[in-house]
Protein backbone atom coordinates (compact mmCIF):
# COMPACT_ATOMS: atom_id res chain seq x y z
CA MET A 1 -6.21 32.14 -3.02
CA ASN A 2 -2.41 31.88 -2.89
CA HIS A 3 -2.16 28.84 -0.65
CA ARG A 4 -3.49 25.37 -1.46
CA ILE A 5 -3.24 21.98 0.24
CA LYS A 6 -3.97 18.51 -1.08
CA TYR A 7 -6.21 16.28 1.04
CA ILE A 8 -6.51 12.52 0.43
CA SER A 9 -9.35 10.26 1.55
CA HIS A 10 -12.23 8.04 0.40
CA TYR A 11 -14.67 10.86 -0.24
CA GLY A 12 -18.10 10.32 -1.77
CA CYS A 13 -20.00 12.18 -4.44
CA LYS A 14 -23.38 13.85 -4.03
CA ASP A 15 -24.53 13.04 -7.61
CA ALA A 16 -26.67 9.86 -7.52
CA TRP A 17 -25.44 8.50 -10.86
CA ARG A 18 -21.79 8.98 -9.84
CA ARG A 19 -22.23 7.75 -6.27
CA ARG A 20 -19.08 6.54 -4.51
CA ASP A 21 -18.73 4.13 -1.60
CA ASN A 22 -18.23 6.32 1.45
CA SER A 23 -19.30 7.18 4.99
CA PRO A 24 -21.75 10.13 5.06
CA ALA A 25 -20.71 11.02 8.63
CA SER A 26 -17.03 11.00 7.66
CA ASP A 27 -17.67 13.19 4.62
CA SER A 28 -19.62 15.69 6.71
CA LYS A 29 -16.65 16.08 9.06
CA LYS A 30 -14.34 16.56 6.07
CA ASP A 31 -16.63 19.23 4.65
CA TYR A 32 -16.37 21.09 7.95
CA LEU A 33 -12.59 20.70 8.01
CA PHE A 34 -12.35 22.09 4.46
CA GLU A 35 -14.48 25.09 5.47
CA VAL A 36 -12.16 25.84 8.41
CA ILE A 37 -9.07 25.43 6.20
CA ASN A 38 -10.63 27.88 3.73
CA ARG A 39 -11.08 30.39 6.57
CA CYS A 40 -7.34 30.06 7.20
CA GLY A 41 -6.60 31.22 3.65
CA TYR A 42 -6.08 27.84 1.96
CA GLY A 43 -7.93 26.21 -0.91
CA VAL A 44 -8.31 22.41 -0.71
CA ASP A 45 -7.60 20.05 -3.61
CA HIS A 46 -9.22 16.78 -2.59
CA ILE A 47 -8.09 13.50 -4.15
CA SER A 48 -10.59 10.69 -3.54
CA ARG A 49 -9.78 7.00 -3.83
CA ALA A 50 -13.43 5.99 -3.35
CA PHE A 51 -14.86 3.24 -5.58
CA GLY A 52 -18.16 3.43 -7.44
CA SER A 53 -21.22 2.25 -5.56
CA VAL A 54 -23.79 2.18 -8.39
CA LYS A 55 -24.15 -1.50 -9.29
CA GLY A 56 -22.41 -2.44 -12.52
CA GLN A 57 -22.07 1.14 -13.80
CA TYR A 58 -18.84 2.57 -15.22
CA ILE A 59 -18.07 6.08 -13.96
CA PRO A 60 -15.35 8.06 -15.76
CA SER A 61 -12.83 10.20 -13.92
CA TYR A 62 -13.73 13.82 -13.35
CA VAL A 63 -12.91 16.89 -11.26
CA GLU A 64 -15.64 18.82 -9.46
CA LYS A 65 -15.18 22.44 -8.35
CA ARG A 66 -16.99 23.78 -5.29
CA GLY A 67 -16.11 27.34 -4.45
CA ILE A 68 -12.34 27.51 -3.99
CA ASN A 69 -12.03 23.73 -3.49
CA THR A 70 -11.66 20.94 -6.06
CA PHE A 71 -12.62 17.26 -5.79
CA ARG A 72 -10.87 14.71 -8.01
CA TYR A 73 -12.35 11.25 -8.64
CA PHE A 74 -10.84 8.40 -10.67
CA SER A 75 -12.49 6.12 -13.20
CA THR A 76 -14.26 3.19 -11.56
CA PHE A 77 -16.75 0.45 -12.19
CA GLY A 78 -19.72 0.15 -9.85
CA LEU A 79 -20.41 -2.55 -7.28
CA GLN A 80 -19.43 -6.00 -8.52
CA THR A 81 -20.90 -9.27 -7.26
CA ASN A 82 -18.08 -11.26 -8.84
CA PRO A 83 -15.13 -11.26 -6.36
CA ILE A 84 -12.54 -11.32 -9.17
CA LEU A 85 -14.09 -8.26 -10.85
CA ARG A 86 -14.27 -6.54 -7.47
CA VAL A 87 -10.52 -7.03 -6.93
CA LEU A 88 -9.75 -5.90 -10.48
CA ASN A 89 -11.78 -2.73 -9.99
CA ARG A 90 -9.89 -1.93 -6.80
CA TRP A 91 -6.58 -2.28 -8.60
CA PHE A 92 -7.89 -0.25 -11.53
CA VAL A 93 -8.70 2.68 -9.21
CA HIS A 94 -5.56 2.30 -7.14
CA ILE A 95 -3.21 2.37 -10.13
CA GLN A 96 -4.78 5.63 -11.32
CA PHE A 97 -4.57 7.00 -7.77
CA PHE A 98 -0.90 6.05 -7.28
CA PHE A 99 0.40 7.41 -10.57
CA TRP A 100 -1.57 10.65 -10.24
CA LEU A 101 0.07 11.21 -6.85
CA LEU A 102 3.49 10.19 -8.12
CA PHE A 103 3.42 12.75 -10.94
CA ASN A 104 1.50 15.55 -9.20
CA LEU A 105 2.89 15.70 -5.68
CA LYS A 106 5.82 18.10 -5.38
CA LYS A 107 8.94 17.26 -3.45
CA GLY A 108 8.65 18.38 0.15
CA GLU A 109 4.97 19.30 -0.28
CA GLN A 110 2.72 19.48 2.77
CA ILE A 111 -0.37 17.30 2.34
CA MET A 112 -3.16 16.08 4.59
CA ILE A 113 -4.20 12.41 4.63
CA TYR A 114 -7.23 10.75 6.18
CA HIS A 115 -5.79 7.50 7.52
CA SER A 116 -6.90 4.39 5.59
CA LEU A 117 -5.60 0.83 5.38
CA GLY A 118 -6.30 1.00 1.64
CA TYR A 119 -3.38 3.31 0.94
CA ASP A 120 -1.12 3.30 4.03
CA SER A 121 1.62 1.47 2.12
CA THR A 122 1.30 3.91 -0.80
CA PHE A 123 2.20 6.88 1.37
CA ILE A 124 4.93 5.03 3.21
CA LEU A 125 6.57 4.71 -0.23
CA LEU A 126 5.72 8.23 -1.43
CA LYS A 127 7.10 9.72 1.79
CA LYS A 128 10.50 8.27 0.86
CA ILE A 129 10.32 9.30 -2.80
CA LYS A 130 8.86 12.79 -2.38
CA LYS A 131 10.01 13.72 1.15
CA LEU A 132 6.43 14.77 1.87
CA ARG A 133 5.34 16.62 4.98
CA ILE A 134 2.27 14.67 6.08
CA ILE A 135 -0.50 15.87 8.36
CA GLY A 136 -2.18 12.61 9.34
CA GLU A 137 -5.85 12.62 10.32
CA ILE A 138 -6.19 9.52 12.50
CA GLU A 139 -9.82 8.84 13.37
CA GLU A 140 -9.41 5.29 14.70
CA ILE A 141 -7.19 2.21 14.75
CA TYR A 142 -8.84 -0.22 12.33
CA GLN A 143 -7.13 -3.35 13.66
CA ASP A 144 -8.84 -2.71 17.00
CA VAL A 145 -12.09 -3.77 15.33
CA HIS A 146 -11.24 -6.34 12.66
CA SER A 147 -8.47 -8.86 12.07
CA TYR A 148 -5.96 -8.11 9.33
CA SER A 149 -2.72 -9.64 8.11
CA ASN A 150 0.51 -8.84 9.95
CA ARG A 151 1.66 -6.73 6.99
CA VAL A 152 -1.48 -4.57 7.04
CA CYS A 153 -1.29 -4.14 10.82
CA LYS A 154 2.38 -3.11 10.67
CA ASN A 155 1.69 -0.65 7.85
CA GLU A 156 -1.12 0.94 9.85
CA PHE A 157 1.25 1.88 12.67
CA LYS A 158 4.11 2.66 10.28
CA PHE A 159 1.97 5.19 8.43
CA ILE A 160 1.09 6.91 11.70
CA ASP A 161 4.79 6.97 12.64
CA ILE A 162 5.81 8.75 9.41
CA CYS A 163 3.28 11.56 9.88
CA ASP A 164 4.89 14.88 10.77
CA ASP A 165 1.78 16.33 12.43
CA LEU A 166 -1.31 14.58 13.73
CA VAL A 167 -5.02 15.31 13.97
CA PHE A 168 -6.97 13.12 16.42
CA PRO A 169 -10.64 12.89 17.43
CA ASN A 170 -9.67 12.53 21.11
CA THR A 171 -6.76 12.75 23.55
CA THR A 172 -6.74 8.98 24.13
CA LEU A 173 -5.38 8.25 20.65
CA ASN A 174 -2.76 10.95 21.05
CA GLU A 175 -1.53 9.33 24.26
CA ARG A 176 -1.40 5.96 22.56
CA LEU A 177 0.18 6.89 19.22
CA ASN A 178 2.16 10.12 19.55
CA HIS A 179 5.34 8.73 21.07
CA ASN A 180 7.76 11.50 20.12
CA GLY A 181 5.87 14.69 20.85
CA ARG A 182 4.83 15.63 17.32
CA THR A 183 2.57 18.63 16.84
CA ASN A 184 -1.00 17.46 17.29
CA ILE A 185 -4.49 18.88 17.53
CA THR A 186 -7.76 17.35 18.65
CA VAL A 187 -11.02 17.90 16.79
CA HIS A 188 -13.92 15.79 18.04
CA GLY A 189 -16.11 16.47 15.04
CA ILE A 190 -18.14 19.30 13.53
CA TYR A 191 -18.20 22.40 15.71
CA GLN A 192 -21.00 24.10 13.82
CA VAL A 193 -24.34 25.08 15.31
CA ASN A 194 -27.43 24.54 13.19
CA ASN A 195 -29.74 27.51 13.68
CA TYR A 196 -33.34 26.37 13.63
CA ILE A 197 -36.74 26.85 15.21
CA PRO A 198 -37.45 23.95 17.62
CA ALA A 199 -40.49 21.86 16.67
CA SER A 200 -42.80 19.61 18.63
CA PHE A 201 -44.93 16.58 17.87
CA ASN A 202 -47.48 18.09 20.29
CA ASP A 203 -48.13 14.70 21.87
CA GLY A 204 -46.79 15.42 25.36
CA LYS A 205 -44.01 12.83 25.00
CA ILE A 206 -40.24 13.14 25.36
CA HIS A 207 -38.71 12.22 22.01
CA VAL A 208 -35.41 10.32 22.09
CA LEU A 209 -33.22 9.77 19.03
CA TYR A 210 -30.66 7.17 18.03
CA ALA A 211 -28.92 8.13 14.78
CA GLY A 212 -26.00 6.21 13.32
CA THR A 213 -24.80 2.89 12.01
CA PHE A 214 -26.85 -0.30 12.25
CA ASP A 215 -23.58 -2.30 12.37
CA PRO A 216 -23.84 -4.89 15.20
CA VAL A 217 -20.07 -4.64 15.78
CA LYS A 218 -20.62 -1.16 17.21
CA GLY A 219 -23.98 -2.25 18.59
CA GLY A 220 -25.49 1.15 19.38
CA ALA A 221 -28.73 0.79 17.41
CA LYS A 222 -29.72 -2.54 18.91
CA ALA A 223 -28.80 -1.34 22.41
CA ALA A 224 -31.05 1.70 22.01
CA VAL A 225 -33.98 -0.47 20.95
CA GLN A 226 -33.47 -2.83 23.88
CA ALA A 227 -33.36 0.12 26.31
CA ALA A 228 -36.83 1.16 25.12
CA GLU A 229 -38.29 -1.91 26.85
CA PHE A 230 -37.76 -0.17 30.21
CA LEU A 231 -39.00 3.30 29.28
CA SER A 232 -42.35 4.63 30.45
CA ASP A 233 -45.20 5.74 28.20
CA SER A 234 -43.83 9.30 28.43
CA TYR A 235 -41.16 8.43 25.86
CA HIS A 236 -40.97 7.90 22.11
CA LEU A 237 -37.76 6.40 20.67
CA HIS A 238 -36.78 7.18 17.06
CA ILE A 239 -34.21 5.07 15.17
CA THR A 240 -32.53 6.31 11.99
CA GLY A 241 -29.21 5.63 10.31
CA PHE A 242 -27.50 3.56 7.70
CA GLY A 243 -26.53 -0.03 7.00
CA SER A 244 -27.22 -2.84 4.57
CA GLU A 245 -30.75 -4.07 3.88
CA GLU A 246 -30.00 -7.14 5.98
CA LEU A 247 -28.85 -5.05 8.96
CA ALA A 248 -31.94 -2.85 8.69
CA ASP A 249 -34.21 -5.92 8.57
CA ASN A 250 -32.53 -7.39 11.65
CA LEU A 251 -33.05 -4.14 13.54
CA LYS A 252 -36.72 -3.98 12.53
CA LYS A 253 -37.18 -7.54 13.85
CA GLU A 254 -35.68 -6.46 17.19
CA ILE A 255 -38.10 -3.51 17.32
CA GLU A 256 -41.01 -5.88 16.61
CA ARG A 257 -39.81 -8.06 19.51
CA VAL A 258 -39.45 -5.17 21.98
CA GLN A 259 -42.53 -3.08 21.11
CA PRO A 260 -45.10 -5.40 22.79
CA LEU A 261 -42.95 -5.39 25.95
CA THR A 262 -42.84 -1.64 26.49
CA LYS A 263 -45.22 1.25 27.06
CA ALA A 264 -42.92 3.55 25.08
CA ALA A 265 -43.38 4.08 21.35
CA ILE A 266 -40.64 3.06 18.89
CA THR A 267 -40.40 4.33 15.32
CA PHE A 268 -37.91 3.03 12.75
CA HIS A 269 -37.18 5.68 10.12
CA GLY A 270 -34.43 3.88 8.21
CA PHE A 271 -32.09 6.12 6.20
CA LEU A 272 -33.18 9.76 5.94
CA ASN A 273 -31.88 12.43 3.60
CA ASP A 274 -30.36 15.57 5.12
CA LYS A 275 -33.59 17.58 5.24
CA GLU A 276 -35.63 14.72 6.71
CA PHE A 277 -32.93 13.97 9.28
CA LEU A 278 -32.68 17.59 10.43
CA ASP A 279 -36.45 17.80 10.71
CA LEU A 280 -36.52 14.70 12.93
CA MET A 281 -33.70 15.97 15.15
CA HIS A 282 -35.50 19.26 15.68
CA HIS A 283 -38.46 17.34 17.05
CA CYS A 284 -36.32 15.43 19.59
CA THR A 285 -34.84 16.32 22.97
CA ILE A 286 -32.34 13.57 23.87
CA GLY A 287 -29.72 12.02 21.56
CA LEU A 288 -28.38 8.54 22.30
CA CYS A 289 -24.80 7.35 21.89
CA THR A 290 -25.31 3.76 23.01
CA GLN A 291 -22.46 1.77 21.46
CA ASP A 292 -20.64 -0.34 24.05
CA PRO A 293 -18.10 1.96 25.78
CA THR A 294 -15.91 -1.03 26.70
CA ASN A 295 -15.51 -2.08 23.06
CA LYS A 296 -11.85 -1.59 22.04
CA LEU A 297 -12.74 0.70 19.14
CA ASN A 298 -15.04 2.86 21.24
CA LEU A 299 -12.30 3.32 23.83
CA THR A 300 -10.22 5.18 21.25
CA SER A 301 -12.78 6.89 19.01
CA PHE A 302 -15.05 9.86 19.49
CA PRO A 303 -18.57 9.37 18.11
CA SER A 304 -19.39 12.13 15.61
CA LYS A 305 -23.07 11.87 16.53
CA ILE A 306 -22.40 13.54 19.90
CA LEU A 307 -21.55 16.88 18.31
CA ASN A 308 -24.25 16.50 15.68
CA TYR A 309 -26.84 16.10 18.40
CA MET A 310 -25.50 19.14 20.28
CA ALA A 311 -25.40 21.24 17.11
CA ASN A 312 -29.13 20.66 16.76
CA GLY A 313 -30.10 21.40 20.34
CA LEU A 314 -30.30 17.87 21.78
CA VAL A 315 -28.71 16.84 25.06
CA VAL A 316 -26.58 13.71 24.81
CA LEU A 317 -26.60 10.45 26.75
CA SER A 318 -23.57 8.18 26.32
CA GLY A 319 -21.88 5.20 27.87
CA ARG A 320 -19.12 6.43 30.15
CA ASN A 321 -15.59 6.08 28.78
CA LYS A 322 -12.32 7.99 28.87
CA ALA A 323 -12.37 9.24 25.29
CA ILE A 324 -15.69 11.01 25.83
CA GLU A 325 -15.23 12.08 29.46
CA GLU A 326 -11.88 13.74 28.70
CA SER A 327 -13.18 15.44 25.57
CA ARG A 328 -13.90 19.15 25.34
CA VAL A 329 -17.61 18.42 25.75
CA GLY A 330 -17.27 15.64 28.31
CA ASP A 331 -18.55 17.77 31.17
CA ILE A 332 -21.90 18.48 29.48
CA VAL A 333 -22.70 14.91 28.39
CA TYR A 334 -25.02 12.70 30.48
CA TYR A 335 -23.72 9.17 31.17
CA TYR A 336 -24.85 5.67 32.03
CA ASP A 337 -22.41 3.29 33.73
CA GLU A 338 -23.51 -0.21 32.67
CA GLN A 339 -24.09 -1.46 29.13
CA THR A 340 -27.49 -2.87 29.98
CA PRO A 341 -30.96 -1.87 28.73
CA GLN A 342 -32.17 -1.11 32.26
CA SER A 343 -29.19 1.15 33.04
CA MET A 344 -29.64 3.06 29.77
CA ALA A 345 -33.37 3.49 30.31
CA ASN A 346 -32.86 4.70 33.89
CA ALA A 347 -30.31 7.24 32.65
CA ILE A 348 -32.70 8.51 29.96
CA MET A 349 -35.49 8.95 32.50
CA SER A 350 -33.15 10.72 34.95
CA ILE A 351 -32.56 13.63 32.55
CA LYS A 352 -34.72 16.45 33.85
CA SER A 353 -35.20 19.85 32.18
CA PRO A 354 -32.61 19.25 29.41
CA ASN A 355 -31.02 22.44 28.05
CA GLY A 356 -29.66 22.07 24.53
CA GLU A 357 -28.40 25.68 24.44
CA ILE A 358 -25.42 24.72 26.62
CA GLY A 359 -24.08 22.36 23.97
CA LYS A 360 -24.61 24.86 21.16
CA GLU A 361 -22.65 27.58 22.99
CA ARG A 362 -19.80 25.15 23.66
CA LEU A 363 -19.57 24.32 19.96
CA ARG A 364 -19.29 27.99 19.03
CA THR A 365 -16.29 28.30 21.36
CA LEU A 366 -14.63 25.12 20.06
CA ASP A 367 -15.02 26.26 16.45
CA LYS A 368 -12.92 29.37 17.16
CA ILE A 369 -10.27 27.32 18.97
CA PHE A 370 -10.03 24.78 16.14
CA GLU A 371 -9.56 27.48 13.51
CA GLN A 372 -6.59 28.84 15.48
CA GLU A 373 -5.11 25.34 15.85
CA ILE A 374 -5.46 24.32 12.20
CA ARG A 375 -4.03 27.67 11.08
CA SER A 376 -0.96 27.01 13.25
CA ILE A 377 -0.42 23.46 11.98
CA LEU A 378 -0.75 24.52 8.32
CA LYS A 379 1.86 27.27 8.80
CA ASN A 380 4.33 24.70 10.17
């Protein structure tokens, strides 16, 4: 492989004893991106700034090779309860990260960076020193969700401004951030179809799935549970995803509150491994994307779960917003118009004869288009 490109992000590790703090959904999208880049004739050298997530354990630096791609991780200590040790560990990793980049990035090199507040300022500096050509992957604007210092907020936009090319999850962010017509492409998520044999619980019910974060800021999990109150006994709602033990406990309490009020069944699965999750999806018909569409973050982000549902033959119900409606799958998504349990439930029950094959065929088309687009941006 003659061509290689460096990619920077907070990427996790699949080995349990070397586990890094990361987002599984984000890593899955990166894995897909790497596979498409490989198809274009480039090997990927990934540099991860992720911290250890095994409590109290020291993890030495190492490089993992997977096919034609490499994954570099820096030395880190695991999760720390002491706030001073937590800060020291962050600096320990960041110093290794910065000096590796300083001595290993070539002048004028083209690199790809997954946008993060943790290292925006680092690349603002390295852009000046190394004259890098940066392809910026901008998944969301973090200050839309949480409050940060003025310096951090300025650096977030400054990093985006120094990118030479841009990769967005939707057209809304491009309209908001691409002020000077830079080359840009849109990739909503993973355009891969999962070939499988559909399964059934053989109970005569319509199985509905919410999969994703339990974070109340995004609110999708709780909203899905509350919608179940207004479903008929023809439905069975399944909840799976990720979040802290406290968030999971809060969600289970909400299920315990709603279950006596509804004729529908509700099952909380907690976090499932890949095989268990795929098995559950293949038993379901409708996938829910129920985070509040009026939330500032949701107005400018594209939920990865939408494509994941489609890839596994589910039809998708989502709150109506511009980012999703104007997407390349917006015309085959079902919508509800009010962020209320009754409106969501009515929309679920209005879906008749769902056909998951439509979504799978769309993804096959989008995969070919994305390969052409990423090939073009890499050649720039």
